Amino acid sequence: MSVTYDTKLGIEENKVAALSYVGLWVSAIILLLIERENKFVRFHAMQSLLVFLPLSLLVFFIAWVPYVGWVLADFIGFPAMFLVILFAFLAYRGMKFKIPFIGRYAYRLIYG
């Protein structure tokens, strides 16, 4: 029997944590603003924000490179979508995985 903790949305925490990855950095910001108490959700939201905001900006700026930018952006964007699916799945399973470097920083920000 698994133990679930309350969230402001009234949904199980593992599902809310997975949502923080599915919506990239936008849902991460929203969940950081909504979920003030649940540290599991806040950790995943912070990790999602720290991974996908810089990645989104990188793809956006690379896409502006004349002639080949959109192709280069696809080479970064498609693997990023794989990461979204992988991270959302792991969060849904209830795992508190840490992405190298970024995960440790997100953990320190949320858990102190």
N, C-alpha and C. Protein backbone atom coordinates (compact mmCIF):
# COMPACT_ATOMS: atom_id res chain seq x y z
N MET A 1 0.84 -1.18 0.00
CA MET A 1 0.00 0.00 0.00
C MET A 1 0.88 1.24 0.00
N SER A 2 0.65 2.12 -0.95
CA SER A 2 1.48 3.32 -1.03
C SER A 2 0.83 4.46 -0.26
N VAL A 3 1.67 5.31 0.27
CA VAL A 3 1.21 6.46 1.02
C VAL A 3 1.24 7.67 0.10
N THR A 4 0.12 8.37 0.03
CA THR A 4 0.09 9.59 -0.77
C THR A 4 -0.16 10.78 0.14
N TYR A 5 0.33 11.91 -0.26
CA TYR A 5 0.20 13.11 0.55
C TYR A 5 -0.68 14.11 -0.17
N ASP A 6 -1.22 15.01 0.60
CA ASP A 6 -2.16 15.98 0.06
C ASP A 6 -1.49 17.01 -0.84
N THR A 7 -2.23 17.44 -1.82
CA THR A 7 -1.82 18.55 -2.67
C THR A 7 -2.96 19.55 -2.70
N LYS A 8 -2.66 20.76 -3.06
CA LYS A 8 -3.69 21.80 -3.15
C LYS A 8 -4.70 21.50 -4.26
N LEU A 9 -4.29 20.75 -5.26
CA LEU A 9 -5.18 20.43 -6.38
C LEU A 9 -6.12 19.27 -6.07
N GLY A 10 -5.87 18.56 -4.97
CA GLY A 10 -6.70 17.43 -4.62
C GLY A 10 -6.39 16.17 -5.43
N ILE A 11 -5.26 16.17 -6.10
CA ILE A 11 -4.82 15.03 -6.91
C ILE A 11 -3.62 14.41 -6.19
N GLU A 12 -3.40 13.11 -6.40
CA GLU A 12 -2.26 12.44 -5.78
C GLU A 12 -0.96 13.14 -6.18
N GLU A 13 -0.04 13.19 -5.23
CA GLU A 13 1.20 13.95 -5.45
C GLU A 13 2.03 13.44 -6.62
N ASN A 14 2.04 12.14 -6.86
CA ASN A 14 2.84 11.63 -7.97
C ASN A 14 2.29 12.10 -9.31
N LYS A 15 0.98 12.24 -9.42
CA LYS A 15 0.38 12.74 -10.66
C LYS A 15 0.67 14.22 -10.85
N VAL A 16 0.62 14.98 -9.77
CA VAL A 16 0.92 16.41 -9.86
C VAL A 16 2.40 16.61 -10.20
N ALA A 17 3.28 15.79 -9.60
CA ALA A 17 4.71 15.88 -9.91
C ALA A 17 4.96 15.57 -11.39
N ALA A 18 4.25 14.59 -11.94
CA ALA A 18 4.40 14.26 -13.36
C ALA A 18 3.92 15.42 -14.22
N LEU A 19 2.87 16.10 -13.80
CA LEU A 19 2.37 17.26 -14.55
C LEU A 19 3.39 18.39 -14.63
N SER A 20 4.25 18.47 -13.62
CA SER A 20 5.26 19.53 -13.64
C SER A 20 6.24 19.36 -14.80
N TYR A 21 6.40 18.13 -15.29
CA TYR A 21 7.27 17.89 -16.44
C TYR A 21 6.51 18.00 -17.76
N VAL A 22 5.27 17.55 -17.76
CA VAL A 22 4.49 17.53 -19.01
C VAL A 22 4.30 18.94 -19.57
N GLY A 23 4.08 19.90 -18.73
CA GLY A 23 3.89 21.28 -19.18
C GLY A 23 5.18 22.07 -19.26
N LEU A 24 6.30 21.37 -19.21
CA LEU A 24 7.63 22.00 -19.25
C LEU A 24 7.76 23.04 -18.15
N TRP A 25 8.39 24.14 -18.41
CA TRP A 25 8.65 25.13 -17.38
C TRP A 25 7.41 25.93 -17.02
N VAL A 26 6.41 25.98 -17.89
CA VAL A 26 5.18 26.73 -17.59
C VAL A 26 4.43 26.08 -16.44
N SER A 27 4.19 24.78 -16.54
CA SER A 27 3.49 24.09 -15.46
C SER A 27 4.34 24.06 -14.19
N ALA A 28 5.65 24.04 -14.35
CA ALA A 28 6.52 24.05 -13.18
C ALA A 28 6.34 25.34 -12.38
N ILE A 29 6.29 26.47 -13.06
CA ILE A 29 6.09 27.75 -12.37
C ILE A 29 4.73 27.78 -11.70
N ILE A 30 3.71 27.33 -12.41
CA ILE A 30 2.35 27.32 -11.84
C ILE A 30 2.30 26.45 -10.60
N LEU A 31 2.89 25.26 -10.66
CA LEU A 31 2.86 24.37 -9.50
C LEU A 31 3.70 24.88 -8.35
N LEU A 32 4.79 25.57 -8.63
CA LEU A 32 5.57 26.18 -7.56
C LEU A 32 4.77 27.26 -6.84
N LEU A 33 3.92 27.95 -7.59
CA LEU A 33 3.08 28.98 -6.97
C LEU A 33 1.90 28.38 -6.20
N ILE A 34 1.35 27.30 -6.70
CA ILE A 34 0.18 26.69 -6.07
C ILE A 34 0.56 25.81 -4.88
N GLU A 35 1.51 24.92 -5.08
CA GLU A 35 1.87 23.93 -4.06
C GLU A 35 2.93 24.51 -3.12
N ARG A 36 2.49 25.03 -2.01
CA ARG A 36 3.41 25.62 -1.03
C ARG A 36 3.88 24.62 0.02
N GLU A 37 3.11 23.56 0.25
CA GLU A 37 3.40 22.63 1.34
C GLU A 37 4.08 21.34 0.88
N ASN A 38 3.67 20.79 -0.24
CA ASN A 38 4.13 19.47 -0.66
C ASN A 38 5.52 19.58 -1.29
N LYS A 39 6.52 19.13 -0.57
CA LYS A 39 7.91 19.27 -1.04
C LYS A 39 8.24 18.33 -2.19
N PHE A 40 7.57 17.17 -2.25
CA PHE A 40 7.81 16.25 -3.37
C PHE A 40 7.41 16.91 -4.69
N VAL A 41 6.25 17.52 -4.71
CA VAL A 41 5.78 18.22 -5.91
C VAL A 41 6.66 19.42 -6.19
N ARG A 42 7.01 20.17 -5.16
CA ARG A 42 7.85 21.36 -5.35
C ARG A 42 9.24 20.98 -5.89
N PHE A 43 9.79 19.87 -5.41
CA PHE A 43 11.09 19.42 -5.91
C PHE A 43 11.02 19.12 -7.40
N HIS A 44 10.02 18.36 -7.82
CA HIS A 44 9.90 18.02 -9.23
C HIS A 44 9.60 19.25 -10.08
N ALA A 45 8.80 20.16 -9.56
CA ALA A 45 8.51 21.39 -10.30
C ALA A 45 9.77 22.24 -10.45
N MET A 46 10.56 22.35 -9.39
CA MET A 46 11.80 23.13 -9.46
C MET A 46 12.80 22.47 -10.42
N GLN A 47 12.91 21.16 -10.36
CA GLN A 47 13.81 20.46 -11.26
C GLN A 47 13.37 20.63 -12.72
N SER A 48 12.08 20.57 -12.96
CA SER A 48 11.55 20.78 -14.31
C SER A 48 11.85 22.19 -14.79
N LEU A 49 11.66 23.16 -13.93
CA LEU A 49 11.95 24.55 -14.28
C LEU A 49 13.42 24.74 -14.62
N LEU A 50 14.30 24.18 -13.80
CA LEU A 50 15.74 24.35 -14.00
C LEU A 50 16.27 23.60 -15.23
N VAL A 51 15.55 22.58 -15.67
CA VAL A 51 15.98 21.84 -16.86
C VAL A 51 15.37 22.44 -18.13
N PHE A 52 14.06 22.64 -18.12
CA PHE A 52 13.37 22.94 -19.36
C PHE A 52 13.29 24.43 -19.72
N LEU A 53 13.44 25.34 -18.78
CA LEU A 53 13.47 26.75 -19.15
C LEU A 53 14.74 27.07 -19.95
N PRO A 54 15.94 26.73 -19.46
CA PRO A 54 17.13 26.98 -20.27
C PRO A 54 17.12 26.21 -21.59
N LEU A 55 16.62 24.99 -21.56
CA LEU A 55 16.56 24.18 -22.78
C LEU A 55 15.61 24.80 -23.80
N SER A 56 14.47 25.31 -23.34
CA SER A 56 13.53 25.98 -24.25
C SER A 56 14.13 27.24 -24.85
N LEU A 57 14.82 28.00 -24.02
CA LEU A 57 15.48 29.22 -24.53
C LEU A 57 16.56 28.87 -25.54
N LEU A 58 17.32 27.82 -25.27
CA LEU A 58 18.36 27.38 -26.19
C LEU A 58 17.76 27.00 -27.54
N VAL A 59 16.71 26.20 -27.53
CA VAL A 59 16.05 25.78 -28.77
C VAL A 59 15.50 27.00 -29.51
N PHE A 60 14.90 27.92 -28.77
CA PHE A 60 14.33 29.12 -29.38
C PHE A 60 15.41 29.95 -30.09
N PHE A 61 16.53 30.18 -29.43
CA PHE A 61 17.57 31.01 -30.03
C PHE A 61 18.31 30.29 -31.15
N ILE A 62 18.50 29.00 -31.03
CA ILE A 62 19.15 28.25 -32.10
C ILE A 62 18.28 28.25 -33.35
N ALA A 63 16.98 28.21 -33.17
CA ALA A 63 16.06 28.21 -34.32
C ALA A 63 16.18 29.48 -35.15
N TRP A 64 16.71 30.53 -34.59
CA TRP A 64 16.87 31.79 -35.32
C TRP A 64 18.13 31.84 -36.18
N VAL A 65 18.98 30.85 -36.07
CA VAL A 65 20.20 30.81 -36.90
C VAL A 65 19.77 30.65 -38.36
N PRO A 66 20.25 31.51 -39.24
CA PRO A 66 19.83 31.43 -40.65
C PRO A 66 20.17 30.09 -41.30
N TYR A 67 19.26 29.63 -42.12
CA TYR A 67 19.40 28.45 -42.97
C TYR A 67 19.32 27.10 -42.24
N VAL A 68 20.06 26.94 -41.17
CA VAL A 68 20.11 25.62 -40.52
C VAL A 68 19.56 25.62 -39.10
N GLY A 69 19.13 26.75 -38.62
CA GLY A 69 18.70 26.85 -37.23
C GLY A 69 17.55 25.94 -36.87
N TRP A 70 16.55 25.86 -37.73
CA TRP A 70 15.40 25.02 -37.41
C TRP A 70 15.77 23.54 -37.38
N VAL A 71 16.75 23.13 -38.21
CA VAL A 71 17.20 21.74 -38.19
C VAL A 71 17.97 21.46 -36.91
N LEU A 72 18.85 22.38 -36.53
CA LEU A 72 19.61 22.21 -35.29
C LEU A 72 18.67 22.21 -34.07
N ALA A 73 17.67 23.07 -34.10
CA ALA A 73 16.70 23.13 -33.00
C ALA A 73 15.95 21.81 -32.87
N ASP A 74 15.65 21.17 -33.99
CA ASP A 74 14.98 19.86 -33.94
C ASP A 74 15.88 18.80 -33.31
N PHE A 75 17.18 18.87 -33.57
CA PHE A 75 18.10 17.90 -32.98
C PHE A 75 18.18 18.04 -31.46
N ILE A 76 17.85 19.21 -30.95
CA ILE A 76 17.80 19.41 -29.50
C ILE A 76 16.38 19.17 -28.98
N GLY A 77 15.40 19.62 -29.72
CA GLY A 77 14.01 19.54 -29.27
C GLY A 77 13.46 18.13 -29.18
N PHE A 78 13.77 17.28 -30.15
CA PHE A 78 13.25 15.92 -30.11
C PHE A 78 13.78 15.10 -28.92
N PRO A 79 15.08 15.14 -28.65
CA PRO A 79 15.55 14.44 -27.43
C PRO A 79 14.97 15.05 -26.15
N ALA A 80 14.72 16.34 -26.16
CA ALA A 80 14.10 16.98 -24.99
C ALA A 80 12.71 16.43 -24.74
N MET A 81 11.98 16.13 -25.80
CA MET A 81 10.64 15.55 -25.62
C MET A 81 10.74 14.14 -25.03
N PHE A 82 11.78 13.41 -25.37
CA PHE A 82 12.01 12.11 -24.74
C PHE A 82 12.25 12.29 -23.24
N LEU A 83 13.02 13.32 -22.87
CA LEU A 83 13.27 13.59 -21.46
C LEU A 83 11.98 13.94 -20.73
N VAL A 84 11.11 14.70 -21.37
CA VAL A 84 9.83 15.04 -20.76
C VAL A 84 9.06 13.77 -20.42
N ILE A 85 8.98 12.87 -21.36
CA ILE A 85 8.24 11.62 -21.15
C ILE A 85 8.90 10.78 -20.05
N LEU A 86 10.22 10.66 -20.10
CA LEU A 86 10.94 9.87 -19.11
C LEU A 86 10.79 10.46 -17.70
N PHE A 87 11.01 11.75 -17.56
CA PHE A 87 10.91 12.39 -16.24
C PHE A 87 9.49 12.33 -15.69
N ALA A 88 8.50 12.54 -16.55
CA ALA A 88 7.10 12.47 -16.11
C ALA A 88 6.77 11.05 -15.64
N PHE A 89 7.26 10.05 -16.37
CA PHE A 89 7.01 8.66 -15.99
C PHE A 89 7.65 8.34 -14.64
N LEU A 90 8.88 8.76 -14.45
CA LEU A 90 9.57 8.49 -13.18
C LEU A 90 8.89 9.21 -12.02
N ALA A 91 8.46 10.43 -12.22
CA ALA A 91 7.75 11.17 -11.17
C ALA A 91 6.41 10.51 -10.87
N TYR A 92 5.74 10.03 -11.90
CA TYR A 92 4.47 9.35 -11.72
C TYR A 92 4.65 8.07 -10.90
N ARG A 93 5.79 7.42 -11.06
CA ARG A 93 6.10 6.21 -10.29
C ARG A 93 6.44 6.54 -8.84
N GLY A 94 6.54 7.83 -8.51
CA GLY A 94 6.83 8.24 -7.14
C GLY A 94 8.29 8.34 -6.81
N MET A 95 9.14 8.35 -7.81
CA MET A 95 10.58 8.42 -7.59
C MET A 95 11.03 9.86 -7.39
N LYS A 96 11.98 10.04 -6.49
CA LYS A 96 12.59 11.35 -6.30
C LYS A 96 14.00 11.29 -6.89
N PHE A 97 14.07 11.22 -8.21
CA PHE A 97 15.35 11.12 -8.91
C PHE A 97 15.96 12.51 -9.05
N LYS A 98 17.26 12.56 -9.05
CA LYS A 98 17.95 13.84 -9.19
C LYS A 98 18.74 13.82 -10.50
N ILE A 99 18.44 14.78 -11.34
CA ILE A 99 19.21 14.97 -12.56
C ILE A 99 20.59 15.50 -12.13
N PRO A 100 21.67 14.98 -12.70
CA PRO A 100 23.00 15.42 -12.27
C PRO A 100 23.13 16.95 -12.24
N PHE A 101 23.73 17.46 -11.21
CA PHE A 101 23.98 18.88 -10.94
C PHE A 101 22.69 19.64 -10.67
N ILE A 102 21.77 19.65 -11.61
CA ILE A 102 20.52 20.40 -11.47
C ILE A 102 19.67 19.82 -10.35
N GLY A 103 19.60 18.52 -10.26
CA GLY A 103 18.79 17.87 -9.24
C GLY A 103 19.26 18.16 -7.83
N ARG A 104 20.57 18.18 -7.65
CA ARG A 104 21.11 18.52 -6.33
C ARG A 104 20.77 19.95 -5.95
N TYR A 105 20.87 20.85 -6.91
CA TYR A 105 20.54 22.25 -6.65
C TYR A 105 19.05 22.42 -6.34
N ALA A 106 18.20 21.76 -7.12
CA ALA A 106 16.76 21.82 -6.87
C ALA A 106 16.43 21.24 -5.50
N TYR A 107 17.10 20.15 -5.14
CA TYR A 107 16.87 19.53 -3.83
C TYR A 107 17.23 20.49 -2.70
N ARG A 108 18.38 21.15 -2.83
CA ARG A 108 18.79 22.12 -1.80
C ARG A 108 17.83 23.29 -1.71
N LEU A 109 17.32 23.76 -2.84
CA LEU A 109 16.37 24.87 -2.83
C LEU A 109 15.07 24.51 -2.11
N ILE A 110 14.60 23.29 -2.30
CA ILE A 110 13.31 22.89 -1.75
C ILE A 110 13.43 22.32 -0.34
N TYR A 111 14.37 21.47 -0.12
CA TYR A 111 14.48 20.79 1.17
C TYR A 111 15.43 21.47 2.15
N GLY A 112 16.19 22.42 1.65
CA GLY A 112 17.08 23.16 2.54
C GLY A 112 18.43 22.58 2.75
